[in-house]
Amino acid sequence: MTWFLSGFFLSLSLCLDLGIVNVAIIRTGVARGLLPSFLIGVGSSFGDLIYALLSMVGISLLMENRVIRWVLWLGGTLILLYMTWNMIKEFRSPKKIDLEEQGGEQNNRKRSWKDFSSGLGLALASPSAILWFATIGGSVIASSDANSASALLLFFSGFFTASITWSLFMAGVSSQGGKWLGHRLVRGFSFVSALLFLYFAGKVFLDGYHSLL
């Protein structure tokens, strides 16, 4: 269960970033309803899982080098603290979300696949997601020291479950109450995200301290 929760909260820290994927989910939920919005989220969940698996493979190869382990330890801790500070700033001065859906509504059953593939493409192309997995995700995964297949399965199951759960939550909220989405929602996301980043900063630092010193 510990590995599942570790993957779950790691994924949640990524989900709480109001990047292009979350904006797309919100806009679609407001304009077209729950299902199209959720399908975009499901597609993005698979995109995030692909990056997480690639991070694990890459980190496994690099972890043989002690210098790289030190860089991931110290660099990851500093980046997570920096992200915590950024979320605190966004909590104090929340950024605006453009909820205007472009192109109007198109009620077409064939669009379900398009919604899914759009979410997948957005996740894979998201600059914030690429940076997150290259720095934060890699550092946390490296510090987790999951050596068994069962631990890895639980970790990535938790990671994927959090992403799907978040997508359903965002789709439901945006489709039902999209008109009131604004500063209050952004401030809430920023506050929770700051707490998660601070938690992982402490986790990465302590795990690195125990394994390297």
N, C-alpha and C. Protein backbone atom coordinates (compact mmCIF):
# COMPACT_ATOMS: atom_id res chain seq x y z
N MET A 1 0.82 -1.21 0.00
CA MET A 1 0.00 0.00 0.00
C MET A 1 0.86 1.26 0.00
N THR A 2 2.04 1.18 0.66
CA THR A 2 2.93 2.35 0.71
C THR A 2 3.38 2.75 -0.67
N TRP A 3 3.72 1.73 -1.50
CA TRP A 3 4.16 2.03 -2.86
C TRP A 3 3.02 2.62 -3.68
N PHE A 4 1.82 2.09 -3.48
CA PHE A 4 0.65 2.60 -4.21
C PHE A 4 0.41 4.07 -3.86
N LEU A 5 0.45 4.40 -2.57
CA LEU A 5 0.21 5.77 -2.13
C LEU A 5 1.32 6.71 -2.60
N SER A 6 2.55 6.20 -2.65
CA SER A 6 3.67 7.01 -3.12
C SER A 6 3.46 7.40 -4.59
N GLY A 7 3.07 6.42 -5.41
CA GLY A 7 2.79 6.72 -6.82
C GLY A 7 1.57 7.61 -6.97
N PHE A 8 0.56 7.39 -6.12
CA PHE A 8 -0.67 8.17 -6.18
C PHE A 8 -0.40 9.64 -5.92
N PHE A 9 0.31 9.94 -4.85
CA PHE A 9 0.57 11.33 -4.50
C PHE A 9 1.58 11.99 -5.44
N LEU A 10 2.50 11.21 -5.97
CA LEU A 10 3.42 11.76 -6.96
C LEU A 10 2.65 12.21 -8.20
N SER A 11 1.74 11.38 -8.67
CA SER A 11 0.92 11.73 -9.83
C SER A 11 0.04 12.93 -9.53
N LEU A 12 -0.50 12.97 -8.31
CA LEU A 12 -1.37 14.08 -7.94
C LEU A 12 -0.63 15.41 -7.97
N SER A 13 0.64 15.40 -7.60
CA SER A 13 1.42 16.64 -7.63
C SER A 13 1.58 17.15 -9.05
N LEU A 14 1.63 16.24 -10.02
CA LEU A 14 1.67 16.64 -11.43
C LEU A 14 0.31 17.13 -11.89
N CYS A 15 -0.75 16.44 -11.49
CA CYS A 15 -2.10 16.81 -11.90
C CYS A 15 -2.50 18.20 -11.42
N LEU A 16 -2.01 18.59 -10.26
CA LEU A 16 -2.42 19.86 -9.68
C LEU A 16 -1.82 21.07 -10.40
N ASP A 17 -0.86 20.84 -11.27
CA ASP A 17 -0.31 21.93 -12.07
C ASP A 17 -1.33 22.33 -13.14
N LEU A 18 -1.77 23.59 -13.12
CA LEU A 18 -2.78 24.03 -14.08
C LEU A 18 -2.13 24.36 -15.42
N GLY A 19 -1.69 23.31 -16.09
CA GLY A 19 -1.07 23.46 -17.40
C GLY A 19 -2.08 23.29 -18.52
N ILE A 20 -1.57 22.98 -19.72
CA ILE A 20 -2.44 22.95 -20.90
C ILE A 20 -3.46 21.81 -20.83
N VAL A 21 -3.11 20.70 -20.19
CA VAL A 21 -4.05 19.58 -20.11
C VAL A 21 -5.24 19.93 -19.23
N ASN A 22 -4.98 20.47 -18.05
CA ASN A 22 -6.08 20.83 -17.17
C ASN A 22 -6.96 21.92 -17.78
N VAL A 23 -6.35 22.87 -18.46
CA VAL A 23 -7.14 23.91 -19.12
C VAL A 23 -8.04 23.30 -20.19
N ALA A 24 -7.50 22.33 -20.94
CA ALA A 24 -8.29 21.66 -21.98
C ALA A 24 -9.46 20.88 -21.37
N ILE A 25 -9.20 20.20 -20.24
CA ILE A 25 -10.26 19.45 -19.56
C ILE A 25 -11.36 20.40 -19.08
N ILE A 26 -10.96 21.51 -18.48
CA ILE A 26 -11.93 22.47 -17.96
C ILE A 26 -12.75 23.09 -19.09
N ARG A 27 -12.08 23.53 -20.14
CA ARG A 27 -12.78 24.18 -21.25
C ARG A 27 -13.76 23.22 -21.91
N THR A 28 -13.32 21.97 -22.10
CA THR A 28 -14.20 20.99 -22.73
C THR A 28 -15.38 20.66 -21.84
N GLY A 29 -15.14 20.56 -20.52
CA GLY A 29 -16.23 20.28 -19.60
C GLY A 29 -17.27 21.37 -19.59
N VAL A 30 -16.82 22.62 -19.62
CA VAL A 30 -17.74 23.75 -19.64
C VAL A 30 -18.56 23.77 -20.93
N ALA A 31 -17.89 23.52 -22.05
CA ALA A 31 -18.56 23.66 -23.35
C ALA A 31 -19.33 22.43 -23.80
N ARG A 32 -18.81 21.20 -23.46
CA ARG A 32 -19.38 20.01 -24.08
C ARG A 32 -19.81 18.95 -23.08
N GLY A 33 -19.51 19.11 -21.80
CA GLY A 33 -20.01 18.17 -20.82
C GLY A 33 -18.97 17.22 -20.25
N LEU A 34 -19.46 16.28 -19.43
CA LEU A 34 -18.62 15.39 -18.64
C LEU A 34 -17.80 14.41 -19.48
N LEU A 35 -18.45 13.64 -20.37
CA LEU A 35 -17.76 12.56 -21.07
C LEU A 35 -16.62 13.04 -21.97
N PRO A 36 -16.83 14.03 -22.84
CA PRO A 36 -15.71 14.50 -23.66
C PRO A 36 -14.55 15.01 -22.83
N SER A 37 -14.88 15.72 -21.73
CA SER A 37 -13.84 16.24 -20.86
C SER A 37 -13.06 15.11 -20.20
N PHE A 38 -13.79 14.08 -19.74
CA PHE A 38 -13.14 12.93 -19.09
C PHE A 38 -12.26 12.16 -20.07
N LEU A 39 -12.69 12.02 -21.32
CA LEU A 39 -11.90 11.30 -22.32
C LEU A 39 -10.57 12.01 -22.58
N ILE A 40 -10.58 13.33 -22.57
CA ILE A 40 -9.32 14.05 -22.70
C ILE A 40 -8.41 13.73 -21.51
N GLY A 41 -9.01 13.67 -20.31
CA GLY A 41 -8.23 13.32 -19.13
C GLY A 41 -7.68 11.92 -19.18
N VAL A 42 -8.47 10.97 -19.69
CA VAL A 42 -7.99 9.58 -19.80
C VAL A 42 -6.80 9.50 -20.76
N GLY A 43 -6.92 10.21 -21.88
CA GLY A 43 -5.80 10.23 -22.83
C GLY A 43 -4.55 10.81 -22.20
N SER A 44 -4.71 11.88 -21.44
CA SER A 44 -3.54 12.49 -20.79
C SER A 44 -2.96 11.56 -19.72
N SER A 45 -3.81 10.74 -19.09
CA SER A 45 -3.34 9.80 -18.08
C SER A 45 -2.40 8.77 -18.70
N PHE A 46 -2.74 8.29 -19.89
CA PHE A 46 -1.85 7.35 -20.58
C PHE A 46 -0.56 8.03 -21.01
N GLY A 47 -0.65 9.29 -21.41
CA GLY A 47 0.56 10.03 -21.77
C GLY A 47 1.49 10.18 -20.58
N ASP A 48 0.92 10.52 -19.41
CA ASP A 48 1.74 10.65 -18.19
C ASP A 48 2.36 9.31 -17.79
N LEU A 49 1.59 8.22 -17.98
CA LEU A 49 2.11 6.89 -17.63
C LEU A 49 3.29 6.52 -18.52
N ILE A 50 3.21 6.87 -19.79
CA ILE A 50 4.33 6.61 -20.72
C ILE A 50 5.58 7.33 -20.24
N TYR A 51 5.44 8.61 -19.88
CA TYR A 51 6.59 9.36 -19.39
C TYR A 51 7.12 8.78 -18.08
N ALA A 52 6.22 8.34 -17.20
CA ALA A 52 6.65 7.76 -15.93
C ALA A 52 7.47 6.48 -16.16
N LEU A 53 7.00 5.64 -17.08
CA LEU A 53 7.73 4.40 -17.38
C LEU A 53 9.09 4.71 -18.00
N LEU A 54 9.13 5.69 -18.90
CA LEU A 54 10.40 6.08 -19.52
C LEU A 54 11.35 6.64 -18.47
N SER A 55 10.80 7.39 -17.51
CA SER A 55 11.63 7.93 -16.43
C SER A 55 12.25 6.81 -15.61
N MET A 56 11.45 5.78 -15.32
CA MET A 56 11.94 4.66 -14.54
C MET A 56 13.06 3.93 -15.28
N VAL A 57 12.88 3.71 -16.58
CA VAL A 57 13.91 3.02 -17.37
C VAL A 57 15.19 3.85 -17.40
N GLY A 58 15.04 5.14 -17.68
CA GLY A 58 16.21 6.01 -17.75
C GLY A 58 16.92 6.13 -16.42
N ILE A 59 16.17 6.29 -15.35
CA ILE A 59 16.76 6.43 -14.03
C ILE A 59 17.49 5.16 -13.62
N SER A 60 16.91 4.00 -13.96
CA SER A 60 17.54 2.72 -13.60
C SER A 60 18.92 2.60 -14.22
N LEU A 61 19.07 3.09 -15.46
CA LEU A 61 20.36 3.03 -16.14
C LEU A 61 21.36 4.03 -15.56
N LEU A 62 20.85 5.18 -15.13
CA LEU A 62 21.73 6.23 -14.65
C LEU A 62 22.15 6.06 -13.20
N MET A 63 21.35 5.30 -12.42
CA MET A 63 21.59 5.22 -10.99
C MET A 63 22.87 4.49 -10.62
N GLU A 64 23.53 3.86 -11.60
CA GLU A 64 24.81 3.21 -11.33
C GLU A 64 25.90 4.25 -11.07
N ASN A 65 25.68 5.47 -11.56
CA ASN A 65 26.67 6.54 -11.42
C ASN A 65 26.39 7.32 -10.13
N ARG A 66 27.35 7.34 -9.22
CA ARG A 66 27.15 8.00 -7.92
C ARG A 66 27.02 9.52 -8.06
N VAL A 67 27.75 10.08 -9.03
CA VAL A 67 27.67 11.53 -9.25
C VAL A 67 26.26 11.94 -9.66
N ILE A 68 25.66 11.14 -10.56
CA ILE A 68 24.31 11.42 -11.01
C ILE A 68 23.32 11.29 -9.85
N ARG A 69 23.55 10.33 -8.98
CA ARG A 69 22.68 10.18 -7.81
C ARG A 69 22.74 11.42 -6.92
N TRP A 70 23.93 12.00 -6.77
CA TRP A 70 24.08 13.22 -5.99
C TRP A 70 23.35 14.39 -6.67
N VAL A 71 23.48 14.46 -7.98
CA VAL A 71 22.82 15.54 -8.73
C VAL A 71 21.30 15.43 -8.60
N LEU A 72 20.79 14.20 -8.74
CA LEU A 72 19.36 14.00 -8.60
C LEU A 72 18.89 14.30 -7.19
N TRP A 73 19.71 13.96 -6.21
CA TRP A 73 19.34 14.21 -4.81
C TRP A 73 19.26 15.71 -4.53
N LEU A 74 20.37 16.41 -4.73
CA LEU A 74 20.41 17.83 -4.41
C LEU A 74 19.59 18.67 -5.40
N GLY A 75 19.74 18.35 -6.69
CA GLY A 75 19.00 19.10 -7.69
C GLY A 75 17.50 18.90 -7.55
N GLY A 76 17.08 17.66 -7.32
CA GLY A 76 15.66 17.37 -7.17
C GLY A 76 15.07 18.07 -5.96
N THR A 77 15.83 18.09 -4.85
CA THR A 77 15.33 18.77 -3.65
C THR A 77 15.16 20.26 -3.90
N LEU A 78 16.15 20.87 -4.54
CA LEU A 78 16.08 22.31 -4.82
C LEU A 78 14.94 22.65 -5.77
N ILE A 79 14.75 21.83 -6.79
CA ILE A 79 13.68 22.08 -7.75
C ILE A 79 12.32 21.95 -7.09
N LEU A 80 12.17 20.95 -6.24
CA LEU A 80 10.90 20.77 -5.53
C LEU A 80 10.62 21.94 -4.59
N LEU A 81 11.64 22.45 -3.94
CA LEU A 81 11.46 23.63 -3.10
C LEU A 81 11.10 24.85 -3.93
N TYR A 82 11.72 24.95 -5.11
CA TYR A 82 11.40 26.05 -6.02
C TYR A 82 9.95 25.96 -6.48
N MET A 83 9.50 24.74 -6.81
CA MET A 83 8.11 24.54 -7.23
C MET A 83 7.15 24.86 -6.08
N THR A 84 7.56 24.53 -4.85
CA THR A 84 6.74 24.87 -3.69
C THR A 84 6.55 26.38 -3.59
N TRP A 85 7.65 27.11 -3.78
CA TRP A 85 7.59 28.57 -3.73
C TRP A 85 6.70 29.12 -4.84
N ASN A 86 6.80 28.54 -6.04
CA ASN A 86 5.96 28.99 -7.16
C ASN A 86 4.48 28.79 -6.86
N MET A 87 4.15 27.65 -6.25
CA MET A 87 2.75 27.38 -5.91
C MET A 87 2.25 28.33 -4.82
N ILE A 88 3.13 28.70 -3.89
CA ILE A 88 2.76 29.67 -2.86
C ILE A 88 2.46 31.02 -3.50
N LYS A 89 3.30 31.40 -4.48
CA LYS A 89 3.06 32.66 -5.18
C LYS A 89 1.75 32.64 -5.95
N GLU A 90 1.44 31.48 -6.58
CA GLU A 90 0.18 31.38 -7.31
C GLU A 90 -1.01 31.37 -6.36
N PHE A 91 -0.81 30.85 -5.16
CA PHE A 91 -1.87 30.90 -4.16
C PHE A 91 -2.17 32.35 -3.76
N ARG A 92 -1.12 33.14 -3.64
CA ARG A 92 -1.28 34.54 -3.26
C ARG A 92 -1.81 35.38 -4.42
N SER A 93 -1.35 35.08 -5.64
CA SER A 93 -1.80 35.83 -6.83
C SER A 93 -2.16 34.83 -7.92
N PRO A 94 -3.35 34.24 -7.86
CA PRO A 94 -3.73 33.17 -8.80
C PRO A 94 -3.79 33.66 -10.24
N LYS A 95 -3.35 32.79 -11.17
CA LYS A 95 -3.39 33.13 -12.58
C LYS A 95 -4.78 32.85 -13.14
N LYS A 96 -5.10 33.54 -14.21
CA LYS A 96 -6.41 33.41 -14.82
C LYS A 96 -6.43 32.24 -15.80
N ILE A 97 -7.61 31.62 -15.95
CA ILE A 97 -7.81 30.53 -16.89
C ILE A 97 -8.77 30.99 -17.96
N ASP A 98 -8.37 30.81 -19.22
CA ASP A 98 -9.27 31.14 -20.34
C ASP A 98 -10.20 29.97 -20.57
N LEU A 99 -11.47 30.15 -20.25
CA LEU A 99 -12.45 29.06 -20.36
C LEU A 99 -13.22 29.11 -21.67
N GLU A 100 -12.84 29.98 -22.58
CA GLU A 100 -13.57 30.09 -23.84
C GLU A 100 -13.21 28.92 -24.74
N GLU A 101 -14.19 28.12 -25.08
CA GLU A 101 -13.98 26.98 -25.98
C GLU A 101 -14.00 27.48 -27.41
N GLN A 102 -12.98 27.15 -28.17
CA GLN A 102 -12.89 27.61 -29.53
C GLN A 102 -13.42 26.55 -30.49
N GLY A 103 -14.15 27.03 -31.49
CA GLY A 103 -14.64 26.13 -32.53
C GLY A 103 -16.05 25.67 -32.32
N GLY A 104 -16.68 26.02 -31.17
CA GLY A 104 -18.08 25.65 -30.95
C GLY A 104 -18.26 24.19 -30.61
N GLU A 105 -19.49 23.76 -30.43
CA GLU A 105 -19.81 22.39 -30.06
C GLU A 105 -20.03 21.54 -31.29
N GLN A 106 -19.49 20.34 -31.25
CA GLN A 106 -19.68 19.39 -32.35
C GLN A 106 -20.05 18.05 -31.74
N ASN A 107 -21.32 17.72 -31.79
CA ASN A 107 -21.81 16.47 -31.19
C ASN A 107 -21.65 15.34 -32.19
N ASN A 108 -20.50 14.72 -32.17
CA ASN A 108 -20.19 13.66 -33.11
C ASN A 108 -19.60 12.49 -32.33
N ARG A 109 -20.19 11.29 -32.50
CA ARG A 109 -19.70 10.12 -31.76
C ARG A 109 -18.24 9.82 -32.08
N LYS A 110 -17.85 10.11 -33.31
CA LYS A 110 -16.47 9.82 -33.71
C LYS A 110 -15.47 10.71 -32.96
N ARG A 111 -15.98 11.74 -32.33
CA ARG A 111 -15.08 12.65 -31.64
C ARG A 111 -14.53 12.06 -30.35
N SER A 112 -15.13 10.97 -29.86
CA SER A 112 -14.63 10.34 -28.64
C SER A 112 -13.16 9.96 -28.77
N TRP A 113 -12.83 9.32 -29.90
CA TRP A 113 -11.43 8.95 -30.12
C TRP A 113 -10.55 10.20 -30.26
N LYS A 114 -11.11 11.22 -30.90
CA LYS A 114 -10.36 12.46 -31.06
C LYS A 114 -10.09 13.11 -29.72
N ASP A 115 -11.07 13.06 -28.82
CA ASP A 115 -10.87 13.62 -27.48
C ASP A 115 -9.77 12.87 -26.74
N PHE A 116 -9.82 11.54 -26.82
CA PHE A 116 -8.81 10.71 -26.15
C PHE A 116 -7.42 11.01 -26.72
N SER A 117 -7.28 10.99 -28.03
CA SER A 117 -5.98 11.21 -28.65
C SER A 117 -5.49 12.63 -28.42
N SER A 118 -6.43 13.57 -28.31
CA SER A 118 -6.06 14.95 -28.01
C SER A 118 -5.44 15.04 -26.62
N GLY A 119 -6.05 14.37 -25.64
CA GLY A 119 -5.49 14.36 -24.29
C GLY A 119 -4.13 13.70 -24.25
N LEU A 120 -3.98 12.59 -24.98
CA LEU A 120 -2.69 11.90 -25.04
C LEU A 120 -1.62 12.80 -25.64
N GLY A 121 -1.96 13.46 -26.74
CA GLY A 121 -1.00 14.35 -27.41
C GLY A 121 -0.64 15.54 -26.54
N LEU A 122 -1.62 16.11 -25.86
CA LEU A 122 -1.34 17.25 -24.99
C LEU A 122 -0.40 16.86 -23.85
N ALA A 123 -0.62 15.70 -23.27
CA ALA A 123 0.24 15.24 -22.18
C ALA A 123 1.67 15.02 -22.65
N LEU A 124 1.82 14.41 -23.81
CA LEU A 124 3.16 14.12 -24.33
C LEU A 124 3.88 15.38 -24.80
N ALA A 125 3.11 16.40 -25.21
CA ALA A 125 3.70 17.62 -25.74
C ALA A 125 3.80 18.73 -24.70
N SER A 126 3.24 18.51 -23.52
CA SER A 126 3.20 19.56 -22.51
C SER A 126 4.61 19.90 -22.01
N PRO A 127 5.04 21.14 -22.16
CA PRO A 127 6.37 21.52 -21.67
C PRO A 127 6.51 21.31 -20.16
N SER A 128 5.45 21.60 -19.41
CA SER A 128 5.53 21.44 -17.96
C SER A 128 5.65 19.97 -17.58
N ALA A 129 4.97 19.08 -18.34
CA ALA A 129 5.06 17.65 -18.04
C ALA A 129 6.46 17.12 -18.35
N ILE A 130 7.02 17.55 -19.49
CA ILE A 130 8.37 17.12 -19.87
C ILE A 130 9.38 17.56 -18.81
N LEU A 131 9.28 18.82 -18.38
CA LEU A 131 10.19 19.33 -17.36
C LEU A 131 9.99 18.60 -16.04
N TRP A 132 8.73 18.33 -15.70
CA TRP A 132 8.41 17.67 -14.44
C TRP A 132 9.03 16.27 -14.38
N PHE A 133 8.87 15.49 -15.46
CA PHE A 133 9.41 14.14 -15.46
C PHE A 133 10.93 14.12 -15.56
N ALA A 134 11.48 15.13 -16.24
CA ALA A 134 12.94 15.19 -16.38
C ALA A 134 13.63 15.58 -15.08
N THR A 135 12.90 16.22 -14.18
CA THR A 135 13.52 16.72 -12.95
C THR A 135 12.85 16.11 -11.72
N ILE A 136 11.66 16.56 -11.42
CA ILE A 136 10.97 16.13 -10.20
C ILE A 136 10.66 14.64 -10.22
N GLY A 137 9.98 14.19 -11.28
CA GLY A 137 9.60 12.79 -11.38
C GLY A 137 10.79 11.87 -11.30
N GLY A 138 11.85 12.22 -12.04
CA GLY A 138 13.05 11.39 -12.02
C GLY A 138 13.68 11.31 -10.65
N SER A 139 13.73 12.44 -9.96
CA SER A 139 14.34 12.46 -8.63
C SER A 139 13.54 11.64 -7.63
N VAL A 140 12.23 11.77 -7.64
CA VAL A 140 11.39 11.03 -6.70
C VAL A 140 11.44 9.54 -6.99
N ILE A 141 11.35 9.18 -8.28
CA ILE A 141 11.42 7.77 -8.66
C ILE A 141 12.77 7.18 -8.27
N ALA A 142 13.84 7.97 -8.46
CA ALA A 142 15.17 7.49 -8.11
C ALA A 142 15.29 7.26 -6.60
N SER A 143 14.67 8.13 -5.82
CA SER A 143 14.78 8.01 -4.37
C SER A 143 13.87 6.93 -3.80
N SER A 144 12.89 6.49 -4.59
CA SER A 144 11.94 5.51 -4.08
C SER A 144 12.56 4.13 -3.88
N ASP A 145 13.59 3.81 -4.67
CA ASP A 145 14.32 2.55 -4.51
C ASP A 145 13.41 1.32 -4.57
N ALA A 146 12.51 1.33 -5.57
CA ALA A 146 11.60 0.19 -5.75
C ALA A 146 12.30 -0.89 -6.58
N ASN A 147 12.71 -1.96 -5.91
CA ASN A 147 13.51 -2.98 -6.59
C ASN A 147 12.69 -4.17 -7.07
N SER A 148 11.57 -4.47 -6.45
CA SER A 148 10.78 -5.64 -6.82
C SER A 148 9.71 -5.30 -7.84
N ALA A 149 9.30 -6.32 -8.60
CA ALA A 149 8.26 -6.12 -9.62
C ALA A 149 6.93 -5.74 -8.99
N SER A 150 6.63 -6.32 -7.83
CA SER A 150 5.37 -6.00 -7.16
C SER A 150 5.34 -4.55 -6.68
N ALA A 151 6.48 -4.07 -6.19
CA ALA A 151 6.56 -2.67 -5.74
C ALA A 151 6.37 -1.71 -6.90
N LEU A 152 7.01 -2.04 -8.02
CA LEU A 152 6.87 -1.20 -9.21
C LEU A 152 5.43 -1.20 -9.71
N LEU A 153 4.79 -2.37 -9.70
CA LEU A 153 3.41 -2.48 -10.15
C LEU A 153 2.50 -1.63 -9.27
N LEU A 154 2.69 -1.70 -7.97
CA LEU A 154 1.89 -0.90 -7.05
C LEU A 154 2.14 0.58 -7.26
N PHE A 155 3.40 0.94 -7.46
CA PHE A 155 3.76 2.35 -7.64
C PHE A 155 3.08 2.94 -8.87
N PHE A 156 3.19 2.24 -10.01
CA PHE A 156 2.60 2.76 -11.24
C PHE A 156 1.08 2.61 -11.26
N SER A 157 0.55 1.64 -10.53
CA SER A 157 -0.90 1.54 -10.39
C SER A 157 -1.45 2.75 -9.64
N GLY A 158 -0.75 3.12 -8.57
CA GLY A 158 -1.15 4.31 -7.84
C GLY A 158 -1.02 5.57 -8.68
N PHE A 159 0.04 5.63 -9.46
CA PHE A 159 0.28 6.78 -10.33
C PHE A 159 -0.86 6.94 -11.34
N PHE A 160 -1.23 5.84 -11.99
CA PHE A 160 -2.29 5.89 -13.01
C PHE A 160 -3.66 6.12 -12.37
N THR A 161 -3.90 5.51 -11.22
CA THR A 161 -5.19 5.68 -10.54
C THR A 161 -5.42 7.14 -10.16
N ALA A 162 -4.39 7.80 -9.67
CA ALA A 162 -4.53 9.22 -9.30
C ALA A 162 -4.86 10.07 -10.52
N SER A 163 -4.22 9.77 -11.63
CA SER A 163 -4.45 10.55 -12.86
C SER A 163 -5.88 10.37 -13.36
N ILE A 164 -6.38 9.13 -13.34
CA ILE A 164 -7.75 8.87 -13.79
C ILE A 164 -8.75 9.52 -12.83
N THR A 165 -8.50 9.38 -11.54
CA THR A 165 -9.39 9.97 -10.53
C THR A 165 -9.45 11.48 -10.67
N TRP A 166 -8.29 12.07 -10.88
CA TRP A 166 -8.23 13.53 -11.07
C TRP A 166 -8.99 13.95 -12.32
N SER A 167 -8.85 13.21 -13.40
CA SER A 167 -9.53 13.53 -14.64
C SER A 167 -11.04 13.50 -14.46
N LEU A 168 -11.53 12.48 -13.74
CA LEU A 168 -12.96 12.37 -13.50
C LEU A 168 -13.45 13.52 -12.62
N PHE A 169 -12.67 13.86 -11.62
CA PHE A 169 -13.03 14.97 -10.74
C PHE A 169 -13.10 16.29 -11.51
N MET A 170 -12.07 16.56 -12.31
CA MET A 170 -12.03 17.81 -13.06
C MET A 170 -13.15 17.88 -14.08
N ALA A 171 -13.42 16.75 -14.74
CA ALA A 171 -14.49 16.72 -15.73
C ALA A 171 -15.84 16.97 -15.06
N GLY A 172 -16.05 16.36 -13.90
CA GLY A 172 -17.31 16.55 -13.19
C GLY A 172 -17.50 17.97 -12.70
N VAL A 173 -16.45 18.52 -12.11
CA VAL A 173 -16.54 19.88 -11.58
C VAL A 173 -16.75 20.89 -12.71
N SER A 174 -15.97 20.76 -13.78
CA SER A 174 -16.07 21.73 -14.86
C SER A 174 -17.39 21.64 -15.61
N SER A 175 -17.94 20.43 -15.74
CA SER A 175 -19.21 20.27 -16.46
C SER A 175 -20.40 20.74 -15.64
N GLN A 176 -20.31 20.61 -14.32
CA GLN A 176 -21.42 20.99 -13.45
C GLN A 176 -21.33 22.42 -12.95
N GLY A 177 -20.13 22.85 -12.67
CA GLY A 177 -19.99 24.19 -12.09
C GLY A 177 -18.93 25.02 -12.75
N GLY A 178 -18.77 24.84 -14.05
CA GLY A 178 -17.69 25.53 -14.76
C GLY A 178 -17.76 27.03 -14.72
N LYS A 179 -18.94 27.57 -14.57
CA LYS A 179 -19.07 29.02 -14.64
C LYS A 179 -18.45 29.72 -13.43
N TRP A 180 -18.32 28.99 -12.31
CA TRP A 180 -17.72 29.63 -11.15
C TRP A 180 -16.23 29.31 -11.00
N LEU A 181 -15.68 28.55 -11.96
CA LEU A 181 -14.25 28.26 -11.91
C LEU A 181 -13.47 29.56 -12.06
N GLY A 182 -12.54 29.74 -11.26
CA GLY A 182 -11.79 30.99 -11.31
C GLY A 182 -10.74 31.01 -10.22
N HIS A 183 -10.58 32.16 -9.58
CA HIS A 183 -9.50 32.34 -8.62
C HIS A 183 -9.59 31.38 -7.44
N ARG A 184 -10.79 31.09 -6.97
CA ARG A 184 -10.91 30.19 -5.82
C ARG A 184 -10.39 28.80 -6.14
N LEU A 185 -10.71 28.30 -7.34
CA LEU A 185 -10.23 26.98 -7.74
C LEU A 185 -8.72 26.97 -7.91
N VAL A 186 -8.19 28.00 -8.59
CA VAL A 186 -6.75 28.09 -8.82
C VAL A 186 -6.00 28.17 -7.48
N ARG A 187 -6.53 28.96 -6.56
CA ARG A 187 -5.87 29.09 -5.26
C ARG A 187 -5.90 27.76 -4.50
N GLY A 188 -6.99 27.03 -4.60
CA GLY A 188 -7.07 25.74 -3.95
C GLY A 188 -6.06 24.76 -4.52
N PHE A 189 -5.98 24.68 -5.86
CA PHE A 189 -5.00 23.80 -6.50
C PHE A 189 -3.58 24.19 -6.09
N SER A 190 -3.30 25.48 -6.09
CA SER A 190 -1.95 25.95 -5.78
C SER A 190 -1.56 25.60 -4.35
N PHE A 191 -2.50 25.75 -3.42
CA PHE A 191 -2.20 25.46 -2.02
C PHE A 191 -1.89 23.97 -1.81
N VAL A 192 -2.76 23.11 -2.35
CA VAL A 192 -2.55 21.67 -2.19
C VAL A 192 -1.26 21.24 -2.90
N SER A 193 -1.01 21.83 -4.08
CA SER A 193 0.19 21.49 -4.84
C SER A 193 1.44 21.89 -4.06
N ALA A 194 1.40 23.05 -3.41
CA ALA A 194 2.55 23.50 -2.61
C ALA A 194 2.85 22.50 -1.50
N LEU A 195 1.79 22.00 -0.84
CA LEU A 195 1.98 21.02 0.23
C LEU A 195 2.61 19.73 -0.31
N LEU A 196 2.13 19.28 -1.47
CA LEU A 196 2.67 18.05 -2.06
C LEU A 196 4.12 18.22 -2.47
N PHE A 197 4.45 19.34 -3.10
CA PHE A 197 5.84 19.58 -3.51
C PHE A 197 6.76 19.66 -2.29
N LEU A 198 6.28 20.29 -1.23
CA LEU A 198 7.08 20.38 -0.01
C LEU A 198 7.29 18.99 0.60
N TYR A 199 6.24 18.17 0.57
CA TYR A 199 6.36 16.79 1.07
C TYR A 199 7.41 16.01 0.29
N PHE A 200 7.36 16.09 -1.05
CA PHE A 200 8.31 15.34 -1.86
C PHE A 200 9.72 15.91 -1.76
N ALA A 201 9.84 17.22 -1.52
CA ALA A 201 11.17 17.79 -1.29
C ALA A 201 11.80 17.17 -0.05
N GLY A 202 11.00 17.06 1.01
CA GLY A 202 11.50 16.42 2.22
C GLY A 202 11.81 14.96 2.02
N LYS A 203 10.96 14.27 1.24
CA LYS A 203 11.16 12.84 0.99
C LYS A 203 12.43 12.59 0.19
N VAL A 204 12.63 13.37 -0.89
CA VAL A 204 13.82 13.21 -1.72
C VAL A 204 15.07 13.50 -0.90
N PHE A 205 15.03 14.56 -0.10
CA PHE A 205 16.21 14.92 0.69
C PHE A 205 16.55 13.84 1.71
N LEU A 206 15.56 13.38 2.45
CA LEU A 206 15.82 12.37 3.48
C LEU A 206 16.26 11.04 2.88
N ASP A 207 15.61 10.62 1.78
CA ASP A 207 16.00 9.37 1.14
C ASP A 207 17.43 9.45 0.62
N GLY A 208 17.77 10.58 0.00
CA GLY A 208 19.13 10.76 -0.50
C GLY A 208 20.15 10.82 0.63
N TYR A 209 19.78 11.47 1.72
CA TYR A 209 20.68 11.58 2.88
C TYR A 209 21.01 10.20 3.44
N HIS A 210 19.98 9.36 3.56
CA HIS A 210 20.18 8.03 4.14
C HIS A 210 20.96 7.10 3.19
N SER A 211 20.77 7.27 1.88
CA SER A 211 21.39 6.34 0.93
C SER A 211 22.79 6.80 0.48
N LEU A 212 23.07 8.10 0.55
CA LEU A 212 24.35 8.60 0.03
C LEU A 212 25.33 9.00 1.11
N LEU A 213 24.85 9.30 2.32
CA LEU A 213 25.75 9.73 3.38
C LEU A 213 25.87 8.69 4.49
